[in-house]
């Protein structure tokens, strides 16, 4: 499944415009996202040791996320951008609030949330390719296949580990994600929603192509 057929809304053009005006923040927070993605995979490995196939795939995924982190640092260095601490966006936290606390529902939800985050990252990489300079566009284009693969990995495990259909639960999480994307955020981040200045302009809330 392609991410544009999976997500309920596309990244608004207003976010892309904000990204072009904040390349330093874009790269810094992208680096943070890659670190967090690796950490998520490792945390799942530590908590759910009873799934050998999951452990193997998560180990590969964590190494790939850290490699991407290193690559982003390289692009930052080449552009004279100093890596510094940034506050987190509300995106991941907003999704994790929906995660159920009892097992095995918790694991299923964590798989689904991770799939959604990877899908959104992949979708945004594709959007950024169309607007960034050739150097950065080439970099983001090179990440598309791996992000698609990470999305498919998490979604596939959610389906295999669940004893019941996941459609209803996935639909709820996708609705929460869509609202996070089309509502306003006070600060620009890689997964932030619309800039505050656009709160009165909803024209960019385009549905994903189905």
C-alpha atoms as a PDB file:
ATOM      1  CA  UNK A   1       0.000   0.000   0.000  1.00  0.00           C
ATOM      2  CA  UNK A   2       1.291   3.439  -0.939  1.00  0.00           C
ATOM      3  CA  UNK A   3       1.343   6.027   1.828  1.00  0.00           C
ATOM      4  CA  UNK A   4      -0.831   8.508  -0.082  1.00  0.00           C
ATOM      5  CA  UNK A   5      -3.551   5.850  -0.192  1.00  0.00           C
ATOM      6  CA  UNK A   6      -3.085   5.143   3.514  1.00  0.00           C
ATOM      7  CA  UNK A   7      -3.102   8.618   5.070  1.00  0.00           C
ATOM      8  CA  UNK A   8      -6.339  10.580   5.227  1.00  0.00           C
ATOM      9  CA  UNK A   9      -4.844  13.985   4.365  1.00  0.00           C
ATOM     10  CA  UNK A  10      -1.854  15.238   2.429  1.00  0.00           C
ATOM     11  CA  UNK A  11       0.721  17.635   3.832  1.00  0.00           C
ATOM     12  CA  UNK A  12      -0.678  21.147   3.280  1.00  0.00           C
ATOM     13  CA  UNK A  13       1.201  23.484   0.932  1.00  0.00           C
ATOM     14  CA  UNK A  14       1.400  25.975   3.797  1.00  0.00           C
ATOM     15  CA  UNK A  15       3.595  23.540   5.730  1.00  0.00           C
ATOM     16  CA  UNK A  16       5.901  23.222   2.721  1.00  0.00           C
ATOM     17  CA  UNK A  17       6.161  26.991   2.493  1.00  0.00           C
ATOM     18  CA  UNK A  18       7.064  27.108   6.173  1.00  0.00           C
ATOM     19  CA  UNK A  19       9.672  24.393   5.629  1.00  0.00           C
ATOM     20  CA  UNK A  20      11.388  26.396   2.901  1.00  0.00           C
ATOM     21  CA  UNK A  21      11.726  29.312   5.307  1.00  0.00           C
ATOM     22  CA  UNK A  22      13.088  27.130   8.105  1.00  0.00           C
ATOM     23  CA  UNK A  23      15.611  24.753   6.533  1.00  0.00           C
ATOM     24  CA  UNK A  24      17.753  24.750   9.682  1.00  0.00           C
ATOM     25  CA  UNK A  25      14.809  23.717  11.874  1.00  0.00           C
ATOM     26  CA  UNK A  26      13.675  21.206   9.252  1.00  0.00           C
ATOM     27  CA  UNK A  27      17.031  19.423   9.308  1.00  0.00           C
ATOM     28  CA  UNK A  28      17.479  19.628  13.069  1.00  0.00           C
ATOM     29  CA  UNK A  29      14.070  18.189  13.774  1.00  0.00           C
ATOM     30  CA  UNK A  30      14.492  15.600  11.039  1.00  0.00           C
ATOM     31  CA  UNK A  31      17.633  14.456  12.851  1.00  0.00           C
ATOM     32  CA  UNK A  32      15.629  14.283  16.073  1.00  0.00           C
ATOM     33  CA  UNK A  33      12.949  12.221  14.342  1.00  0.00           C
ATOM     34  CA  UNK A  34      15.514   9.701  13.102  1.00  0.00           C
ATOM     35  CA  UNK A  35      16.932   9.352  16.623  1.00  0.00           C
ATOM     36  CA  UNK A  36      13.465   8.877  18.074  1.00  0.00           C
ATOM     37  CA  UNK A  37      12.582   6.314  15.410  1.00  0.00           C
ATOM     38  CA  UNK A  38      15.675   4.291  16.301  1.00  0.00           C
ATOM     39  CA  UNK A  39      14.825   4.610  19.993  1.00  0.00           C
ATOM     40  CA  UNK A  40      11.263   3.428  19.371  1.00  0.00           C
ATOM     41  CA  UNK A  41      12.507   0.320  17.587  1.00  0.00           C
ATOM     42  CA  UNK A  42      15.005  -0.445  20.353  1.00  0.00           C
ATOM     43  CA  UNK A  43      12.416   0.063  23.101  1.00  0.00           C
ATOM     44  CA  UNK A  44      10.082  -2.359  21.364  1.00  0.00           C
ATOM     45  CA  UNK A  45      12.922  -4.870  21.116  1.00  0.00           C
ATOM     46  CA  UNK A  46      13.571  -4.674  24.846  1.00  0.00           C
ATOM     47  CA  UNK A  47       9.913  -4.938  25.830  1.00  0.00           C
ATOM     48  CA  UNK A  48       8.682  -7.614  23.428  1.00  0.00           C
ATOM     49  CA  UNK A  49      11.408 -10.262  23.347  1.00  0.00           C
ATOM     50  CA  UNK A  50       8.923 -13.081  22.692  1.00  0.00           C
ATOM     51  CA  UNK A  51       8.627 -12.224  18.975  1.00  0.00           C
ATOM     52  CA  UNK A  52      11.864 -13.348  17.215  1.00  0.00           C
ATOM     53  CA  UNK A  53      10.859 -12.141  13.747  1.00  0.00           C
ATOM     54  CA  UNK A  54       9.903  -8.751  15.164  1.00  0.00           C
ATOM     55  CA  UNK A  55      13.265  -8.477  16.957  1.00  0.00           C
ATOM     56  CA  UNK A  56      15.184  -9.141  13.745  1.00  0.00           C
ATOM     57  CA  UNK A  57      13.249  -6.599  11.707  1.00  0.00           C
ATOM     58  CA  UNK A  58      13.387  -3.937  14.419  1.00  0.00           C
ATOM     59  CA  UNK A  59      17.147  -4.381  14.757  1.00  0.00           C
ATOM     60  CA  UNK A  60      17.592  -3.721  11.036  1.00  0.00           C
ATOM     61  CA  UNK A  61      15.186  -0.794  11.201  1.00  0.00           C
ATOM     62  CA  UNK A  62      16.997   0.828  14.150  1.00  0.00           C
ATOM     63  CA  UNK A  63      20.352   0.620  12.360  1.00  0.00           C
ATOM     64  CA  UNK A  64      18.858   2.193   9.251  1.00  0.00           C
ATOM     65  CA  UNK A  65      17.278   5.028  11.261  1.00  0.00           C
ATOM     66  CA  UNK A  66      20.621   5.794  12.917  1.00  0.00           C
ATOM     67  CA  UNK A  67      22.309   5.801   9.507  1.00  0.00           C
ATOM     68  CA  UNK A  68      19.749   8.369   8.359  1.00  0.00           C
ATOM     69  CA  UNK A  69      20.478  10.383  11.500  1.00  0.00           C
ATOM     70  CA  UNK A  70      24.154  10.449  10.571  1.00  0.00           C
ATOM     71  CA  UNK A  71      23.308  11.520   7.039  1.00  0.00           C
ATOM     72  CA  UNK A  72      21.178  14.427   8.255  1.00  0.00           C
ATOM     73  CA  UNK A  73      24.016  15.535  10.526  1.00  0.00           C
ATOM     74  CA  UNK A  74      26.288  15.516   7.488  1.00  0.00           C
ATOM     75  CA  UNK A  75      23.958  17.790   5.533  1.00  0.00           C
ATOM     76  CA  UNK A  76      23.690  20.108   8.517  1.00  0.00           C
ATOM     77  CA  UNK A  77      27.476  20.309   8.825  1.00  0.00           C
ATOM     78  CA  UNK A  78      27.883  21.073   5.118  1.00  0.00           C
ATOM     79  CA  UNK A  79      25.476  23.992   5.519  1.00  0.00           C
ATOM     80  CA  UNK A  80      26.942  25.340   8.733  1.00  0.00           C
ATOM     81  CA  UNK A  81      23.886  24.427  10.801  1.00  0.00           C
ATOM     82  CA  UNK A  82      24.679  23.751  14.458  1.00  0.00           C
ATOM     83  CA  UNK A  83      22.700  20.926  16.010  1.00  0.00           C
ATOM     84  CA  UNK A  84      20.834  22.082  19.101  1.00  0.00           C
ATOM     85  CA  UNK A  85      18.023  20.883  21.295  1.00  0.00           C
ATOM     86  CA  UNK A  86      14.499  21.528  20.026  1.00  0.00           C
ATOM     87  CA  UNK A  87      11.206  21.131  21.807  1.00  0.00           C
ATOM     88  CA  UNK A  88       9.095  18.271  20.494  1.00  0.00           C
ATOM     89  CA  UNK A  89       6.029  18.856  18.374  1.00  0.00           C
ATOM     90  CA  UNK A  90       2.663  17.647  19.654  1.00  0.00           C
ATOM     91  CA  UNK A  91       2.421  15.109  16.825  1.00  0.00           C
ATOM     92  CA  UNK A  92       3.901  11.941  18.317  1.00  0.00           C
ATOM     93  CA  UNK A  93       2.520  12.719  21.767  1.00  0.00           C
ATOM     94  CA  UNK A  94      -0.931  13.280  20.316  1.00  0.00           C
ATOM     95  CA  UNK A  95      -0.866   9.857  18.691  1.00  0.00           C
ATOM     96  CA  UNK A  96       0.570   8.086  21.722  1.00  0.00           C
ATOM     97  CA  UNK A  97      -2.236   9.425  23.914  1.00  0.00           C
ATOM     98  CA  UNK A  98      -4.484   7.064  21.976  1.00  0.00           C
ATOM     99  CA  UNK A  99      -2.401   3.956  22.747  1.00  0.00           C
ATOM    100  CA  UNK A 100      -4.255   1.492  24.956  1.00  0.00           C
ATOM    101  CA  UNK A 101      -2.517   0.398  28.164  1.00  0.00           C
ATOM    102  CA  UNK A 102      -3.396  -3.308  28.300  1.00  0.00           C
ATOM    103  CA  UNK A 103      -1.696  -6.034  26.297  1.00  0.00           C
ATOM    104  CA  UNK A 104      -1.792  -7.164  23.579  1.00  0.00           C
ATOM    105  CA  UNK A 105      -3.757  -4.059  22.552  1.00  0.00           C
ATOM    106  CA  UNK A 106      -0.866  -1.824  23.571  1.00  0.00           C
ATOM    107  CA  UNK A 107       1.568  -3.572  21.240  1.00  0.00           C
ATOM    108  CA  UNK A 108      -0.916  -3.463  18.355  1.00  0.00           C
ATOM    109  CA  UNK A 109      -1.470   0.267  18.876  1.00  0.00           C
ATOM    110  CA  UNK A 110       2.275   0.946  19.078  1.00  0.00           C
ATOM    111  CA  UNK A 111       2.734  -0.877  15.771  1.00  0.00           C
ATOM    112  CA  UNK A 112      -0.078   1.129  14.173  1.00  0.00           C
ATOM    113  CA  UNK A 113       1.176   4.463  15.522  1.00  0.00           C
ATOM    114  CA  UNK A 114       4.692   3.680  14.279  1.00  0.00           C
ATOM    115  CA  UNK A 115       3.288   2.764  10.865  1.00  0.00           C
ATOM    116  CA  UNK A 116       1.415   6.068  10.698  1.00  0.00           C
ATOM    117  CA  UNK A 117       4.477   8.096  11.711  1.00  0.00           C
ATOM    118  CA  UNK A 118       6.622   6.351   9.092  1.00  0.00           C
ATOM    119  CA  UNK A 119       3.919   6.872   6.464  1.00  0.00           C
ATOM    120  CA  UNK A 120       3.722  10.589   7.237  1.00  0.00           C
ATOM    121  CA  UNK A 121       7.511  10.904   7.111  1.00  0.00           C
ATOM    122  CA  UNK A 122       7.553   9.180   3.726  1.00  0.00           C
ATOM    123  CA  UNK A 123       4.761  11.405   2.418  1.00  0.00           C
ATOM    124  CA  UNK A 124       6.571  14.543   3.575  1.00  0.00           C
ATOM    125  CA  UNK A 125       9.851  13.400   2.048  1.00  0.00           C
ATOM    126  CA  UNK A 126       8.036  13.076  -1.258  1.00  0.00           C
ATOM    127  CA  UNK A 127       6.542  16.553  -0.938  1.00  0.00           C
ATOM    128  CA  UNK A 128       9.902  18.083   0.017  1.00  0.00           C
ATOM    129  CA  UNK A 129      11.561  16.584  -3.055  1.00  0.00           C
ATOM    130  CA  UNK A 130       9.376  18.849  -5.191  1.00  0.00           C
ATOM    131  CA  UNK A 131      10.362  22.131  -3.502  1.00  0.00           C
ATOM    132  CA  UNK A 132      13.898  21.861  -2.054  1.00  0.00           C
ATOM    133  CA  UNK A 133      17.187  22.629  -3.755  1.00  0.00           C
ATOM    134  CA  UNK A 134      18.696  19.830  -5.828  1.00  0.00           C
ATOM    135  CA  UNK A 135      21.117  18.687  -3.118  1.00  0.00           C
ATOM    136  CA  UNK A 136      18.507  18.241  -0.396  1.00  0.00           C
ATOM    137  CA  UNK A 137      15.868  17.030  -2.842  1.00  0.00           C
ATOM    138  CA  UNK A 138      18.192  14.228  -3.897  1.00  0.00           C
ATOM    139  CA  UNK A 139      18.752  13.281  -0.277  1.00  0.00           C
ATOM    140  CA  UNK A 140      15.065  13.121   0.548  1.00  0.00           C
ATOM    141  CA  UNK A 141      14.354  11.174  -2.614  1.00  0.00           C
ATOM    142  CA  UNK A 142      16.921   8.597  -1.480  1.00  0.00           C
ATOM    143  CA  UNK A 143      14.974   8.045   1.758  1.00  0.00           C
ATOM    144  CA  UNK A 144      11.601   7.300   0.200  1.00  0.00           C
ATOM    145  CA  UNK A 145      12.037   3.548  -0.281  1.00  0.00           C
ATOM    146  CA  UNK A 146      13.297   2.941   3.242  1.00  0.00           C
ATOM    147  CA  UNK A 147      10.470   4.953   4.834  1.00  0.00           C
ATOM    148  CA  UNK A 148       7.919   3.074   2.738  1.00  0.00           C
ATOM    149  CA  UNK A 149       9.509  -0.176   3.874  1.00  0.00           C
ATOM    150  CA  UNK A 150       9.440   0.871   7.549  1.00  0.00           C
ATOM    151  CA  UNK A 151       5.763   1.778   7.214  1.00  0.00           C
ATOM    152  CA  UNK A 152       4.969  -1.590   5.654  1.00  0.00           C
ATOM    153  CA  UNK A 153       6.989  -3.401   8.337  1.00  0.00           C
ATOM    154  CA  UNK A 154       5.062  -1.893  11.241  1.00  0.00           C
ATOM    155  CA  UNK A 155       1.686  -2.219   9.555  1.00  0.00           C
ATOM    156  CA  UNK A 156       2.398  -5.809   8.613  1.00  0.00           C
ATOM    157  CA  UNK A 157       3.313  -6.761  12.161  1.00  0.00           C
ATOM    158  CA  UNK A 158       0.204  -5.059  13.521  1.00  0.00           C
ATOM    159  CA  UNK A 159      -1.916  -7.210  11.207  1.00  0.00           C
ATOM    160  CA  UNK A 160      -0.066 -10.415  12.038  1.00  0.00           C
ATOM    161  CA  UNK A 161      -0.023  -9.884  15.797  1.00  0.00           C
ATOM    162  CA  UNK A 162      -3.669  -8.918  16.090  1.00  0.00           C
ATOM    163  CA  UNK A 163      -6.218 -11.687  16.470  1.00  0.00           C
ATOM    164  CA  UNK A 164      -8.987  -9.380  15.254  1.00  0.00           C
ATOM    165  CA  UNK A 165      -9.307  -7.043  12.253  1.00  0.00           C
ATOM    166  CA  UNK A 166      -7.443  -3.769  12.784  1.00  0.00           C
ATOM    167  CA  UNK A 167      -9.478  -1.590  10.419  1.00  0.00           C
ATOM    168  CA  UNK A 168     -11.594   0.108  13.071  1.00  0.00           C
ATOM    169  CA  UNK A 169      -8.674   0.806  15.378  1.00  0.00           C
ATOM    170  CA  UNK A 170      -6.475   1.996  12.515  1.00  0.00           C
ATOM    171  CA  UNK A 171      -9.256   4.261  11.277  1.00  0.00           C
ATOM    172  CA  UNK A 172      -9.468   5.965  14.656  1.00  0.00           C
ATOM    173  CA  UNK A 173      -5.716   6.567  14.822  1.00  0.00           C
ATOM    174  CA  UNK A 174      -5.659   7.902  11.254  1.00  0.00           C
ATOM    175  CA  UNK A 175      -8.413  10.378  12.132  1.00  0.00           C
ATOM    176  CA  UNK A 176      -6.379  11.635  15.092  1.00  0.00           C
ATOM    177  CA  UNK A 177      -3.312  11.939  12.864  1.00  0.00           C
ATOM    178  CA  UNK A 178      -5.202  13.872  10.204  1.00  0.00           C
ATOM    179  CA  UNK A 179      -6.438  16.384  12.760  1.00  0.00           C
ATOM    180  CA  UNK A 180      -2.888  16.908  14.037  1.00  0.00           C
ATOM    181  CA  UNK A 181      -1.739  17.644  10.473  1.00  0.00           C
ATOM    182  CA  UNK A 182      -4.469  20.128   9.514  1.00  0.00           C
ATOM    183  CA  UNK A 183      -4.735  21.987  12.829  1.00  0.00           C
ATOM    184  CA  UNK A 184      -2.330  24.762  13.809  1.00  0.00           C
ATOM    185  CA  UNK A 185       0.974  24.479  15.662  1.00  0.00           C
ATOM    186  CA  UNK A 186       2.780  27.347  17.385  1.00  0.00           C
ATOM    187  CA  UNK A 187       6.215  26.133  16.196  1.00  0.00           C
ATOM    188  CA  UNK A 188       7.436  24.620  12.958  1.00  0.00           C
ATOM    189  CA  UNK A 189       8.639  21.033  13.202  1.00  0.00           C
ATOM    190  CA  UNK A 190       9.044  18.111  10.815  1.00  0.00           C
ATOM    191  CA  UNK A 191       5.668  16.686  11.832  1.00  0.00           C
ATOM    192  CA  UNK A 192       3.947  19.930  12.804  1.00  0.00           C
ATOM    193  CA  UNK A 193       0.569  21.002  11.511  1.00  0.00           C
ATOM    194  CA  UNK A 194      -0.311  24.312   9.897  1.00  0.00           C
ATOM    195  CA  UNK A 195       1.588  27.431  10.941  1.00  0.00           C
ATOM    196  CA  UNK A 196      -0.393  29.629  13.327  1.00  0.00           C
ATOM    197  CA  UNK A 197      -0.548  32.452  10.787  1.00  0.00           C
ATOM    198  CA  UNK A 198      -2.645  30.232   8.520  1.00  0.00           C
ATOM    199  CA  UNK A 199      -5.369  29.478  11.054  1.00  0.00           C
ATOM    200  CA  UNK A 200      -7.913  31.452   9.049  1.00  0.00           C
ATOM    201  CA  UNK A 201      -6.910  29.838   5.756  1.00  0.00           C
ATOM    202  CA  UNK A 202      -8.133  26.264   5.430  1.00  0.00           C
ATOM    203  CA  UNK A 203      -7.796  26.016   1.675  1.00  0.00           C
ATOM    204  CA  UNK A 204      -4.818  23.665   1.918  1.00  0.00           C
ATOM    205  CA  UNK A 205      -6.661  20.891   3.683  1.00  0.00           C
ATOM    206  CA  UNK A 206      -6.522  18.607   0.655  1.00  0.00           C
ATOM    207  CA  UNK A 207      -7.629  14.961   0.997  1.00  0.00           C
ATOM    208  CA  UNK A 208      -5.173  12.276   0.016  1.00  0.00           C
ATOM    209  CA  UNK A 209      -5.632  10.790  -3.442  1.00  0.00           C
ATOM    210  CA  UNK A 210      -7.479   7.511  -3.154  1.00  0.00           C
END
